[in-house]
């Protein structure tokens, strides 16, 4: 199956699943059908990174079970969207990709209906949590349709994804609240758990497993995928403060207003320029001028330069790691190019 046909097949699986759920939900309540329609819309327009990685790995090892690979790829897209929905609730974000997210849409509905802000927020957050739960359930529904002998491995991979993603998310919240120390080493481990596992390592391993690849390939893909995930997150943390909102679809004040603990901030800690404005970091009423002062301090402290250097070093290390593997040449070339694109991306 060609790359384009494979990705189109993933969209067909997702479309059929949501059509079925929307039809069933309509028999329950209008607001429940609306929840499913919005879940369907929340999965539209994504980059399909995880399905692409799974399909690329499967194709590199022979593409023997395209139907099963399609189902698994669609399942990973559902898993990704579920975790995003929960992440938005945890971070109290009401927008994504430059428009209201599912939580924000339901909160807006409630406000328009005359509910006070607190009640409207509760309705939005409840919808976000339940929506994420429903997509996690749908992830396993699709995996149950996989007929490959690797079915058990896929279920174990998704279980491990959720375990690690929860560990990373819990650490992220703990660091932000100050209930756990956020050393550079702990921050990197958090990135490995929160992003490296489900976004890169697991989809690659799933595609290889469906193609019958052995334990050596699984070990290589685990190491490479985890390293790619850290690279992705490092660049994401830079874009979250210094990116172009028109391209990223994200505000550049959100992380600063939240007081998000990142390696970028860790590099600035202790420098006089950062110390002078640190009281602004994490302020709920942070305005654009204060955010600009924080950005200027991150530059003056050398933190931004340190991040750029770290990203460059990590990219070279990942590329060297890929070359040392025994993965198929085409997959090695693809992953090396992916490392480059992750470090150069603007969105």
C-alpha atoms as a PDB file:
ATOM      1  CA  UNK A   1       0.000   0.000   0.000  1.00  0.00           C
ATOM      2  CA  UNK A   2       1.390   3.425  -0.949  1.00  0.00           C
ATOM      3  CA  UNK A   3       2.007   6.068   1.701  1.00  0.00           C
ATOM      4  CA  UNK A   4      -0.907   8.244   0.558  1.00  0.00           C
ATOM      5  CA  UNK A   5      -3.361   5.356   0.345  1.00  0.00           C
ATOM      6  CA  UNK A   6      -2.317   4.131   3.788  1.00  0.00           C
ATOM      7  CA  UNK A   7      -2.959   7.516   5.381  1.00  0.00           C
ATOM      8  CA  UNK A   8      -6.272   7.875   3.572  1.00  0.00           C
ATOM      9  CA  UNK A   9      -7.239   4.451   4.919  1.00  0.00           C
ATOM     10  CA  UNK A  10      -6.545   5.677   8.470  1.00  0.00           C
ATOM     11  CA  UNK A  11      -8.900   8.613   7.940  1.00  0.00           C
ATOM     12  CA  UNK A  12     -11.586   6.235   6.645  1.00  0.00           C
ATOM     13  CA  UNK A  13     -11.326   4.082   9.793  1.00  0.00           C
ATOM     14  CA  UNK A  14     -11.615   7.151  12.007  1.00  0.00           C
ATOM     15  CA  UNK A  15     -14.509   8.576  10.012  1.00  0.00           C
ATOM     16  CA  UNK A  16     -16.457   5.315  10.213  1.00  0.00           C
ATOM     17  CA  UNK A  17     -15.874   5.049  13.953  1.00  0.00           C
ATOM     18  CA  UNK A  18     -17.123   8.575  14.626  1.00  0.00           C
ATOM     19  CA  UNK A  19     -20.128   8.183  12.336  1.00  0.00           C
ATOM     20  CA  UNK A  20     -21.153   5.124  14.341  1.00  0.00           C
ATOM     21  CA  UNK A  21     -20.630   6.844  17.695  1.00  0.00           C
ATOM     22  CA  UNK A  22     -22.496   9.994  16.647  1.00  0.00           C
ATOM     23  CA  UNK A  23     -25.433   7.909  15.432  1.00  0.00           C
ATOM     24  CA  UNK A  24     -25.562   5.952  18.687  1.00  0.00           C
ATOM     25  CA  UNK A  25     -25.150   9.064  20.836  1.00  0.00           C
ATOM     26  CA  UNK A  26     -28.077  10.775  19.120  1.00  0.00           C
ATOM     27  CA  UNK A  27     -30.366   8.214  20.734  1.00  0.00           C
ATOM     28  CA  UNK A  28     -29.127   9.258  24.183  1.00  0.00           C
ATOM     29  CA  UNK A  29     -29.167  13.060  24.225  1.00  0.00           C
ATOM     30  CA  UNK A  30     -28.476  16.015  21.969  1.00  0.00           C
ATOM     31  CA  UNK A  31     -25.580  17.199  24.115  1.00  0.00           C
ATOM     32  CA  UNK A  32     -23.992  13.725  23.994  1.00  0.00           C
ATOM     33  CA  UNK A  33     -24.230  13.642  20.205  1.00  0.00           C
ATOM     34  CA  UNK A  34     -22.682  17.120  20.200  1.00  0.00           C
ATOM     35  CA  UNK A  35     -19.818  15.807  22.326  1.00  0.00           C
ATOM     36  CA  UNK A  36     -19.107  13.102  19.760  1.00  0.00           C
ATOM     37  CA  UNK A  37     -19.357  15.530  16.849  1.00  0.00           C
ATOM     38  CA  UNK A  38     -16.847  17.777  18.536  1.00  0.00           C
ATOM     39  CA  UNK A  39     -14.589  14.824  19.277  1.00  0.00           C
ATOM     40  CA  UNK A  40     -14.681  14.003  15.577  1.00  0.00           C
ATOM     41  CA  UNK A  41     -13.791  17.584  14.709  1.00  0.00           C
ATOM     42  CA  UNK A  42     -10.975  17.671  17.268  1.00  0.00           C
ATOM     43  CA  UNK A  43      -9.208  14.889  15.420  1.00  0.00           C
ATOM     44  CA  UNK A  44      -9.419  16.667  12.060  1.00  0.00           C
ATOM     45  CA  UNK A  45      -6.531  18.702  10.726  1.00  0.00           C
ATOM     46  CA  UNK A  46      -3.831  17.050  12.803  1.00  0.00           C
ATOM     47  CA  UNK A  47      -0.428  16.186  11.399  1.00  0.00           C
ATOM     48  CA  UNK A  48      -1.042  12.444  11.853  1.00  0.00           C
ATOM     49  CA  UNK A  49       2.525  12.120  13.127  1.00  0.00           C
ATOM     50  CA  UNK A  50       1.928   8.926  15.108  1.00  0.00           C
ATOM     51  CA  UNK A  51       0.035   7.086  12.353  1.00  0.00           C
ATOM     52  CA  UNK A  52       2.742   8.097   9.888  1.00  0.00           C
ATOM     53  CA  UNK A  53       5.494   6.745  12.128  1.00  0.00           C
ATOM     54  CA  UNK A  54       3.669   3.458  12.614  1.00  0.00           C
ATOM     55  CA  UNK A  55       2.977   3.043   8.908  1.00  0.00           C
ATOM     56  CA  UNK A  56       6.521   4.034   7.940  1.00  0.00           C
ATOM     57  CA  UNK A  57       7.999   1.430  10.290  1.00  0.00           C
ATOM     58  CA  UNK A  58       5.564  -1.229   9.092  1.00  0.00           C
ATOM     59  CA  UNK A  59       6.375  -0.481   5.461  1.00  0.00           C
ATOM     60  CA  UNK A  60      10.125  -0.549   6.124  1.00  0.00           C
ATOM     61  CA  UNK A  61       9.857  -4.085   7.506  1.00  0.00           C
ATOM     62  CA  UNK A  62       7.775  -5.390   4.600  1.00  0.00           C
ATOM     63  CA  UNK A  63       4.179  -4.121   5.033  1.00  0.00           C
ATOM     64  CA  UNK A  64       2.732  -7.645   5.449  1.00  0.00           C
ATOM     65  CA  UNK A  65      -0.500  -6.677   7.259  1.00  0.00           C
ATOM     66  CA  UNK A  66      -1.732  -3.323   5.876  1.00  0.00           C
ATOM     67  CA  UNK A  67      -5.256  -3.679   7.310  1.00  0.00           C
ATOM     68  CA  UNK A  68      -3.974  -4.311  10.826  1.00  0.00           C
ATOM     69  CA  UNK A  69      -1.442  -1.492  10.481  1.00  0.00           C
ATOM     70  CA  UNK A  70      -4.236   0.879   9.450  1.00  0.00           C
ATOM     71  CA  UNK A  71      -6.304  -0.022  12.515  1.00  0.00           C
ATOM     72  CA  UNK A  72      -3.319   0.374  14.835  1.00  0.00           C
ATOM     73  CA  UNK A  73      -2.358   3.694  13.245  1.00  0.00           C
ATOM     74  CA  UNK A  74      -5.883   5.018  13.750  1.00  0.00           C
ATOM     75  CA  UNK A  75      -5.804   3.786  17.353  1.00  0.00           C
ATOM     76  CA  UNK A  76      -2.650   5.783  18.062  1.00  0.00           C
ATOM     77  CA  UNK A  77      -4.284   8.912  16.652  1.00  0.00           C
ATOM     78  CA  UNK A  78      -7.200   8.400  19.046  1.00  0.00           C
ATOM     79  CA  UNK A  79      -4.776   7.862  21.925  1.00  0.00           C
ATOM     80  CA  UNK A  80      -2.952  11.082  21.047  1.00  0.00           C
ATOM     81  CA  UNK A  81      -6.160  13.116  20.884  1.00  0.00           C
ATOM     82  CA  UNK A  82      -7.401  11.643  24.172  1.00  0.00           C
ATOM     83  CA  UNK A  83      -4.215  12.684  25.939  1.00  0.00           C
ATOM     84  CA  UNK A  84      -4.424  16.175  24.421  1.00  0.00           C
ATOM     85  CA  UNK A  85      -7.966  16.579  25.732  1.00  0.00           C
ATOM     86  CA  UNK A  86      -6.911  15.565  29.229  1.00  0.00           C
ATOM     87  CA  UNK A  87      -3.806  17.760  29.005  1.00  0.00           C
ATOM     88  CA  UNK A  88      -5.935  20.782  28.110  1.00  0.00           C
ATOM     89  CA  UNK A  89      -8.124  20.207  31.164  1.00  0.00           C
ATOM     90  CA  UNK A  90      -5.113  19.791  33.450  1.00  0.00           C
ATOM     91  CA  UNK A  91      -3.479  22.939  32.056  1.00  0.00           C
ATOM     92  CA  UNK A  92      -6.811  24.812  32.016  1.00  0.00           C
ATOM     93  CA  UNK A  93      -6.301  25.656  28.357  1.00  0.00           C
ATOM     94  CA  UNK A  94      -9.405  26.652  26.414  1.00  0.00           C
ATOM     95  CA  UNK A  95      -7.901  26.805  22.925  1.00  0.00           C
ATOM     96  CA  UNK A  96      -5.757  24.717  20.607  1.00  0.00           C
ATOM     97  CA  UNK A  97      -4.542  25.310  17.055  1.00  0.00           C
ATOM     98  CA  UNK A  98      -5.781  28.877  17.272  1.00  0.00           C
ATOM     99  CA  UNK A  99      -9.426  28.082  18.050  1.00  0.00           C
ATOM    100  CA  UNK A 100     -11.480  27.000  21.073  1.00  0.00           C
ATOM    101  CA  UNK A 101     -10.748  23.420  22.047  1.00  0.00           C
ATOM    102  CA  UNK A 102     -13.469  20.993  23.092  1.00  0.00           C
ATOM    103  CA  UNK A 103     -13.393  22.208  26.694  1.00  0.00           C
ATOM    104  CA  UNK A 104     -13.570  25.814  25.517  1.00  0.00           C
ATOM    105  CA  UNK A 105     -16.480  25.140  23.175  1.00  0.00           C
ATOM    106  CA  UNK A 106     -18.637  23.568  25.871  1.00  0.00           C
ATOM    107  CA  UNK A 107     -17.714  26.324  28.318  1.00  0.00           C
ATOM    108  CA  UNK A 108     -18.735  28.938  25.736  1.00  0.00           C
ATOM    109  CA  UNK A 109     -22.049  27.158  25.195  1.00  0.00           C
ATOM    110  CA  UNK A 110     -22.763  27.233  28.915  1.00  0.00           C
ATOM    111  CA  UNK A 111     -21.906  30.918  29.219  1.00  0.00           C
ATOM    112  CA  UNK A 112     -24.141  31.714  26.250  1.00  0.00           C
ATOM    113  CA  UNK A 113     -26.946  29.826  28.001  1.00  0.00           C
ATOM    114  CA  UNK A 114     -26.581  32.101  31.018  1.00  0.00           C
ATOM    115  CA  UNK A 115     -24.535  29.929  33.384  1.00  0.00           C
ATOM    116  CA  UNK A 116     -22.035  31.718  35.636  1.00  0.00           C
ATOM    117  CA  UNK A 117     -18.375  31.405  34.692  1.00  0.00           C
ATOM    118  CA  UNK A 118     -17.544  28.798  37.335  1.00  0.00           C
ATOM    119  CA  UNK A 119     -20.388  26.496  36.303  1.00  0.00           C
ATOM    120  CA  UNK A 120     -19.570  26.984  32.619  1.00  0.00           C
ATOM    121  CA  UNK A 121     -15.947  26.058  33.262  1.00  0.00           C
ATOM    122  CA  UNK A 122     -17.036  22.934  35.140  1.00  0.00           C
ATOM    123  CA  UNK A 123     -19.233  21.892  32.195  1.00  0.00           C
ATOM    124  CA  UNK A 124     -16.388  22.433  29.759  1.00  0.00           C
ATOM    125  CA  UNK A 125     -13.894  20.505  31.876  1.00  0.00           C
ATOM    126  CA  UNK A 126     -16.307  17.629  32.465  1.00  0.00           C
ATOM    127  CA  UNK A 127     -16.832  17.391  28.712  1.00  0.00           C
ATOM    128  CA  UNK A 128     -13.072  17.398  28.119  1.00  0.00           C
ATOM    129  CA  UNK A 129     -12.413  14.651  30.662  1.00  0.00           C
ATOM    130  CA  UNK A 130     -15.253  12.460  29.412  1.00  0.00           C
ATOM    131  CA  UNK A 131     -14.258  13.072  25.802  1.00  0.00           C
ATOM    132  CA  UNK A 132     -10.723  11.935  26.518  1.00  0.00           C
ATOM    133  CA  UNK A 133     -12.037   8.864  28.331  1.00  0.00           C
ATOM    134  CA  UNK A 134     -14.241   7.973  25.371  1.00  0.00           C
ATOM    135  CA  UNK A 135     -11.325   8.209  22.952  1.00  0.00           C
ATOM    136  CA  UNK A 136      -9.183   6.012  25.193  1.00  0.00           C
ATOM    137  CA  UNK A 137     -11.962   3.433  25.107  1.00  0.00           C
ATOM    138  CA  UNK A 138     -12.191   3.765  21.318  1.00  0.00           C
ATOM    139  CA  UNK A 139      -8.427   3.197  21.102  1.00  0.00           C
ATOM    140  CA  UNK A 140      -8.869  -0.268  22.569  1.00  0.00           C
ATOM    141  CA  UNK A 141     -11.948  -0.871  20.400  1.00  0.00           C
ATOM    142  CA  UNK A 142      -9.816  -0.472  17.278  1.00  0.00           C
ATOM    143  CA  UNK A 143      -6.986  -2.568  18.696  1.00  0.00           C
ATOM    144  CA  UNK A 144      -9.483  -5.362  19.382  1.00  0.00           C
ATOM    145  CA  UNK A 145     -10.058  -5.605  15.627  1.00  0.00           C
ATOM    146  CA  UNK A 146      -6.377  -6.324  14.915  1.00  0.00           C
ATOM    147  CA  UNK A 147      -5.981  -9.978  13.921  1.00  0.00           C
ATOM    148  CA  UNK A 148      -2.185 -10.154  13.796  1.00  0.00           C
ATOM    149  CA  UNK A 149      -0.258 -12.391  16.188  1.00  0.00           C
ATOM    150  CA  UNK A 150       1.259  -9.118  17.439  1.00  0.00           C
ATOM    151  CA  UNK A 151      -2.097  -8.030  18.890  1.00  0.00           C
ATOM    152  CA  UNK A 152      -0.968  -8.719  22.454  1.00  0.00           C
ATOM    153  CA  UNK A 153       2.191  -6.666  21.931  1.00  0.00           C
ATOM    154  CA  UNK A 154       0.123  -3.713  20.742  1.00  0.00           C
ATOM    155  CA  UNK A 155      -2.113  -3.806  23.805  1.00  0.00           C
ATOM    156  CA  UNK A 156       0.955  -3.949  26.057  1.00  0.00           C
ATOM    157  CA  UNK A 157       2.520  -1.035  24.161  1.00  0.00           C
ATOM    158  CA  UNK A 158      -0.567   1.149  24.607  1.00  0.00           C
ATOM    159  CA  UNK A 159      -0.773   0.200  28.276  1.00  0.00           C
ATOM    160  CA  UNK A 160       2.869   1.198  28.732  1.00  0.00           C
ATOM    161  CA  UNK A 161       2.193   4.440  26.808  1.00  0.00           C
ATOM    162  CA  UNK A 162      -0.567   5.429  29.199  1.00  0.00           C
ATOM    163  CA  UNK A 163       1.486   4.482  32.240  1.00  0.00           C
ATOM    164  CA  UNK A 164       4.453   6.573  31.100  1.00  0.00           C
ATOM    165  CA  UNK A 165       2.376   9.486  29.803  1.00  0.00           C
ATOM    166  CA  UNK A 166       0.616   9.709  33.166  1.00  0.00           C
ATOM    167  CA  UNK A 167       3.970   9.632  34.953  1.00  0.00           C
ATOM    168  CA  UNK A 168       5.236  12.445  32.737  1.00  0.00           C
ATOM    169  CA  UNK A 169       2.075  14.519  33.103  1.00  0.00           C
ATOM    170  CA  UNK A 170       2.082  14.049  36.877  1.00  0.00           C
ATOM    171  CA  UNK A 171       5.702  15.176  37.028  1.00  0.00           C
ATOM    172  CA  UNK A 172       4.941  18.167  34.796  1.00  0.00           C
ATOM    173  CA  UNK A 173       2.175  19.304  37.151  1.00  0.00           C
ATOM    174  CA  UNK A 174       4.341  18.662  40.214  1.00  0.00           C
ATOM    175  CA  UNK A 175       7.184  20.732  38.771  1.00  0.00           C
ATOM    176  CA  UNK A 176       4.817  23.582  37.921  1.00  0.00           C
ATOM    177  CA  UNK A 177       3.317  23.631  41.410  1.00  0.00           C
ATOM    178  CA  UNK A 178       6.698  23.284  43.082  1.00  0.00           C
ATOM    179  CA  UNK A 179       5.804  20.050  44.876  1.00  0.00           C
ATOM    180  CA  UNK A 180       8.797  18.277  43.308  1.00  0.00           C
ATOM    181  CA  UNK A 181      12.250  19.618  42.373  1.00  0.00           C
ATOM    182  CA  UNK A 182      12.667  20.280  38.647  1.00  0.00           C
ATOM    183  CA  UNK A 183      16.324  19.586  37.917  1.00  0.00           C
ATOM    184  CA  UNK A 184      17.423  19.393  34.251  1.00  0.00           C
ATOM    185  CA  UNK A 185      17.744  15.615  34.627  1.00  0.00           C
ATOM    186  CA  UNK A 186      14.196  15.300  35.982  1.00  0.00           C
ATOM    187  CA  UNK A 187      12.862  17.555  33.238  1.00  0.00           C
ATOM    188  CA  UNK A 188      14.465  15.377  30.569  1.00  0.00           C
ATOM    189  CA  UNK A 189      13.012  12.245  32.158  1.00  0.00           C
ATOM    190  CA  UNK A 190       9.602  13.913  32.186  1.00  0.00           C
ATOM    191  CA  UNK A 191       9.932  14.599  28.443  1.00  0.00           C
ATOM    192  CA  UNK A 192      10.878  10.974  27.793  1.00  0.00           C
ATOM    193  CA  UNK A 193       7.792   9.765  29.641  1.00  0.00           C
ATOM    194  CA  UNK A 194       5.277  12.381  28.511  1.00  0.00           C
ATOM    195  CA  UNK A 195       6.240  12.656  24.841  1.00  0.00           C
ATOM    196  CA  UNK A 196       8.914  10.153  23.846  1.00  0.00           C
ATOM    197  CA  UNK A 197       6.874   7.050  24.616  1.00  0.00           C
ATOM    198  CA  UNK A 198       3.440   7.421  23.044  1.00  0.00           C
ATOM    199  CA  UNK A 199       4.381   9.926  20.331  1.00  0.00           C
ATOM    200  CA  UNK A 200       7.460   8.272  18.865  1.00  0.00           C
ATOM    201  CA  UNK A 201       8.794   5.052  20.387  1.00  0.00           C
ATOM    202  CA  UNK A 202       5.487   3.182  20.688  1.00  0.00           C
ATOM    203  CA  UNK A 203       4.123   3.900  17.171  1.00  0.00           C
ATOM    204  CA  UNK A 204       7.458   2.883  15.652  1.00  0.00           C
ATOM    205  CA  UNK A 205       7.568  -0.295  17.715  1.00  0.00           C
ATOM    206  CA  UNK A 206       3.938  -1.100  16.912  1.00  0.00           C
ATOM    207  CA  UNK A 207       4.513  -0.841  13.169  1.00  0.00           C
ATOM    208  CA  UNK A 208       7.605  -3.012  13.391  1.00  0.00           C
ATOM    209  CA  UNK A 209       5.845  -5.592  15.588  1.00  0.00           C
ATOM    210  CA  UNK A 210       2.993  -5.932  13.096  1.00  0.00           C
ATOM    211  CA  UNK A 211       5.583  -6.618  10.398  1.00  0.00           C
ATOM    212  CA  UNK A 212       7.210  -9.355  12.479  1.00  0.00           C
ATOM    213  CA  UNK A 213      10.372  -7.470  13.441  1.00  0.00           C
ATOM    214  CA  UNK A 214      12.351  -8.978  16.303  1.00  0.00           C
ATOM    215  CA  UNK A 215      13.437  -7.748  19.738  1.00  0.00           C
ATOM    216  CA  UNK A 216      16.603  -6.067  18.433  1.00  0.00           C
ATOM    217  CA  UNK A 217      14.536  -3.788  16.200  1.00  0.00           C
ATOM    218  CA  UNK A 218      12.153  -3.080  19.083  1.00  0.00           C
ATOM    219  CA  UNK A 219      15.060  -2.069  21.321  1.00  0.00           C
ATOM    220  CA  UNK A 220      16.535   0.175  18.615  1.00  0.00           C
ATOM    221  CA  UNK A 221      13.197   1.858  17.968  1.00  0.00           C
ATOM    222  CA  UNK A 222      12.595   2.369  21.684  1.00  0.00           C
ATOM    223  CA  UNK A 223      15.904   4.206  22.069  1.00  0.00           C
ATOM    224  CA  UNK A 224      15.573   6.221  18.876  1.00  0.00           C
ATOM    225  CA  UNK A 225      11.898   7.040  19.429  1.00  0.00           C
ATOM    226  CA  UNK A 226      12.462   8.220  22.987  1.00  0.00           C
ATOM    227  CA  UNK A 227      15.339  10.441  21.859  1.00  0.00           C
ATOM    228  CA  UNK A 228      13.194  11.903  19.066  1.00  0.00           C
ATOM    229  CA  UNK A 229      10.461  12.647  21.589  1.00  0.00           C
ATOM    230  CA  UNK A 230      12.836  14.655  23.759  1.00  0.00           C
ATOM    231  CA  UNK A 231      14.032  16.536  20.682  1.00  0.00           C
ATOM    232  CA  UNK A 232      10.430  17.337  19.764  1.00  0.00           C
ATOM    233  CA  UNK A 233       9.616  18.580  23.271  1.00  0.00           C
ATOM    234  CA  UNK A 234      12.731  20.744  23.539  1.00  0.00           C
ATOM    235  CA  UNK A 235      11.793  22.531  20.331  1.00  0.00           C
ATOM    236  CA  UNK A 236       8.181  22.748  21.496  1.00  0.00           C
ATOM    237  CA  UNK A 237       9.247  24.507  24.685  1.00  0.00           C
ATOM    238  CA  UNK A 238      11.130  27.112  22.641  1.00  0.00           C
ATOM    239  CA  UNK A 239       8.169  27.653  20.308  1.00  0.00           C
ATOM    240  CA  UNK A 240       5.862  27.943  23.316  1.00  0.00           C
ATOM    241  CA  UNK A 241       7.659  31.152  24.319  1.00  0.00           C
ATOM    242  CA  UNK A 242       9.369  32.444  21.167  1.00  0.00           C
ATOM    243  CA  UNK A 243       7.264  30.964  18.362  1.00  0.00           C
ATOM    244  CA  UNK A 244       4.874  32.690  15.973  1.00  0.00           C
ATOM    245  CA  UNK A 245       1.307  32.126  17.236  1.00  0.00           C
ATOM    246  CA  UNK A 246       0.005  32.426  13.679  1.00  0.00           C
ATOM    247  CA  UNK A 247       2.067  29.350  12.760  1.00  0.00           C
ATOM    248  CA  UNK A 248       1.966  27.337  15.974  1.00  0.00           C
ATOM    249  CA  UNK A 249      -1.676  27.989  16.809  1.00  0.00           C
ATOM    250  CA  UNK A 250      -0.559  28.521  20.407  1.00  0.00           C
ATOM    251  CA  UNK A 251      -0.177  31.605  22.556  1.00  0.00           C
ATOM    252  CA  UNK A 252       3.387  32.538  23.488  1.00  0.00           C
ATOM    253  CA  UNK A 253       2.286  33.714  26.919  1.00  0.00           C
ATOM    254  CA  UNK A 254       0.536  30.540  28.088  1.00  0.00           C
ATOM    255  CA  UNK A 255       3.636  28.726  29.359  1.00  0.00           C
ATOM    256  CA  UNK A 256       4.896  31.906  31.032  1.00  0.00           C
ATOM    257  CA  UNK A 257       1.533  32.636  32.654  1.00  0.00           C
ATOM    258  CA  UNK A 258       1.264  29.023  33.820  1.00  0.00           C
ATOM    259  CA  UNK A 259       4.778  29.085  35.271  1.00  0.00           C
ATOM    260  CA  UNK A 260       5.635  25.967  33.306  1.00  0.00           C
ATOM    261  CA  UNK A 261       8.912  24.374  34.339  1.00  0.00           C
ATOM    262  CA  UNK A 262      10.988  23.757  31.232  1.00  0.00           C
ATOM    263  CA  UNK A 263      14.651  23.329  30.478  1.00  0.00           C
ATOM    264  CA  UNK A 264      14.550  26.849  29.021  1.00  0.00           C
ATOM    265  CA  UNK A 265      13.590  28.248  32.431  1.00  0.00           C
ATOM    266  CA  UNK A 266      16.039  25.954  34.221  1.00  0.00           C
ATOM    267  CA  UNK A 267      18.879  27.427  32.145  1.00  0.00           C
ATOM    268  CA  UNK A 268      17.821  30.944  33.210  1.00  0.00           C
ATOM    269  CA  UNK A 269      17.575  30.214  36.936  1.00  0.00           C
ATOM    270  CA  UNK A 270      20.107  32.104  39.039  1.00  0.00           C
ATOM    271  CA  UNK A 271      20.995  34.675  36.378  1.00  0.00           C
ATOM    272  CA  UNK A 272      20.444  38.301  37.507  1.00  0.00           C
ATOM    273  CA  UNK A 273      18.362  39.120  34.429  1.00  0.00           C
ATOM    274  CA  UNK A 274      15.927  36.329  35.245  1.00  0.00           C
ATOM    275  CA  UNK A 275      15.961  36.948  38.981  1.00  0.00           C
ATOM    276  CA  UNK A 276      14.876  40.548  38.365  1.00  0.00           C
ATOM    277  CA  UNK A 277      11.662  39.487  36.613  1.00  0.00           C
ATOM    278  CA  UNK A 278      11.064  36.040  38.073  1.00  0.00           C
ATOM    279  CA  UNK A 279       8.151  37.331  40.156  1.00  0.00           C
ATOM    280  CA  UNK A 280       6.227  37.825  36.911  1.00  0.00           C
ATOM    281  CA  UNK A 281       6.619  34.181  35.896  1.00  0.00           C
ATOM    282  CA  UNK A 282       3.475  32.211  36.699  1.00  0.00           C
ATOM    283  CA  UNK A 283       1.356  35.322  37.349  1.00  0.00           C
ATOM    284  CA  UNK A 284      -2.286  34.567  36.413  1.00  0.00           C
ATOM    285  CA  UNK A 285      -2.748  38.149  35.172  1.00  0.00           C
ATOM    286  CA  UNK A 286       0.453  38.204  33.083  1.00  0.00           C
ATOM    287  CA  UNK A 287       0.028  40.712  30.248  1.00  0.00           C
ATOM    288  CA  UNK A 288       1.934  41.097  26.982  1.00  0.00           C
ATOM    289  CA  UNK A 289       4.380  43.644  28.401  1.00  0.00           C
ATOM    290  CA  UNK A 290       5.294  41.396  31.319  1.00  0.00           C
ATOM    291  CA  UNK A 291       5.610  38.416  28.986  1.00  0.00           C
ATOM    292  CA  UNK A 292       7.965  40.496  26.842  1.00  0.00           C
ATOM    293  CA  UNK A 293      10.086  41.246  29.906  1.00  0.00           C
ATOM    294  CA  UNK A 294      10.325  37.536  30.690  1.00  0.00           C
ATOM    295  CA  UNK A 295      11.334  36.726  27.113  1.00  0.00           C
ATOM    296  CA  UNK A 296      13.994  39.429  27.207  1.00  0.00           C
ATOM    297  CA  UNK A 297      15.368  37.928  30.426  1.00  0.00           C
ATOM    298  CA  UNK A 298      15.476  34.456  28.882  1.00  0.00           C
ATOM    299  CA  UNK A 299      17.553  35.905  26.059  1.00  0.00           C
ATOM    300  CA  UNK A 300      19.799  38.036  28.294  1.00  0.00           C
ATOM    301  CA  UNK A 301      20.465  35.135  30.652  1.00  0.00           C
ATOM    302  CA  UNK A 302      21.732  32.989  27.797  1.00  0.00           C
ATOM    303  CA  UNK A 303      18.919  30.474  28.333  1.00  0.00           C
ATOM    304  CA  UNK A 304      17.651  30.674  24.748  1.00  0.00           C
ATOM    305  CA  UNK A 305      21.159  30.194  23.356  1.00  0.00           C
ATOM    306  CA  UNK A 306      21.669  27.250  25.708  1.00  0.00           C
ATOM    307  CA  UNK A 307      18.446  25.674  24.459  1.00  0.00           C
ATOM    308  CA  UNK A 308      19.445  26.123  20.828  1.00  0.00           C
ATOM    309  CA  UNK A 309      22.815  24.538  21.568  1.00  0.00           C
ATOM    310  CA  UNK A 310      21.198  21.670  23.477  1.00  0.00           C
ATOM    311  CA  UNK A 311      18.785  20.985  20.628  1.00  0.00           C
ATOM    312  CA  UNK A 312      21.644  20.948  18.118  1.00  0.00           C
ATOM    313  CA  UNK A 313      23.684  18.590  20.275  1.00  0.00           C
ATOM    314  CA  UNK A 314      20.706  16.286  20.805  1.00  0.00           C
ATOM    315  CA  UNK A 315      20.009  16.190  17.080  1.00  0.00           C
ATOM    316  CA  UNK A 316      23.575  15.109  16.331  1.00  0.00           C
ATOM    317  CA  UNK A 317      23.376  12.463  19.051  1.00  0.00           C
ATOM    318  CA  UNK A 318      20.085  11.125  17.693  1.00  0.00           C
ATOM    319  CA  UNK A 319      21.472  10.980  14.155  1.00  0.00           C
ATOM    320  CA  UNK A 320      24.522   9.063  15.374  1.00  0.00           C
ATOM    321  CA  UNK A 321      22.279   6.706  17.360  1.00  0.00           C
ATOM    322  CA  UNK A 322      20.176   6.002  14.269  1.00  0.00           C
ATOM    323  CA  UNK A 323      23.260   5.174  12.212  1.00  0.00           C
ATOM    324  CA  UNK A 324      24.440   2.660  14.826  1.00  0.00           C
ATOM    325  CA  UNK A 325      21.217   0.656  14.578  1.00  0.00           C
ATOM    326  CA  UNK A 326      20.545  -2.276  12.267  1.00  0.00           C
ATOM    327  CA  UNK A 327      17.208  -0.840  11.147  1.00  0.00           C
ATOM    328  CA  UNK A 328      16.341  -0.976   7.418  1.00  0.00           C
ATOM    329  CA  UNK A 329      18.275   1.706   5.488  1.00  0.00           C
ATOM    330  CA  UNK A 330      15.122   3.462   4.280  1.00  0.00           C
ATOM    331  CA  UNK A 331      13.824   3.766   7.839  1.00  0.00           C
ATOM    332  CA  UNK A 332      17.178   5.035   9.097  1.00  0.00           C
ATOM    333  CA  UNK A 333      17.170   7.727   6.420  1.00  0.00           C
ATOM    334  CA  UNK A 334      13.588   8.681   7.236  1.00  0.00           C
ATOM    335  CA  UNK A 335      14.268   8.957  10.977  1.00  0.00           C
ATOM    336  CA  UNK A 336      17.421  10.999  10.397  1.00  0.00           C
ATOM    337  CA  UNK A 337      15.441  13.437   8.258  1.00  0.00           C
ATOM    338  CA  UNK A 338      12.708  13.500  10.892  1.00  0.00           C
ATOM    339  CA  UNK A 339      15.263  14.546  13.521  1.00  0.00           C
ATOM    340  CA  UNK A 340      16.239  17.447  11.274  1.00  0.00           C
ATOM    341  CA  UNK A 341      12.636  18.506  10.710  1.00  0.00           C
ATOM    342  CA  UNK A 342      11.825  18.337  14.411  1.00  0.00           C
ATOM    343  CA  UNK A 343      14.614  20.778  15.235  1.00  0.00           C
ATOM    344  CA  UNK A 344      13.760  23.174  12.404  1.00  0.00           C
ATOM    345  CA  UNK A 345       9.975  23.178  12.695  1.00  0.00           C
ATOM    346  CA  UNK A 346       8.097  26.432  13.258  1.00  0.00           C
ATOM    347  CA  UNK A 347       4.726  24.894  14.108  1.00  0.00           C
END
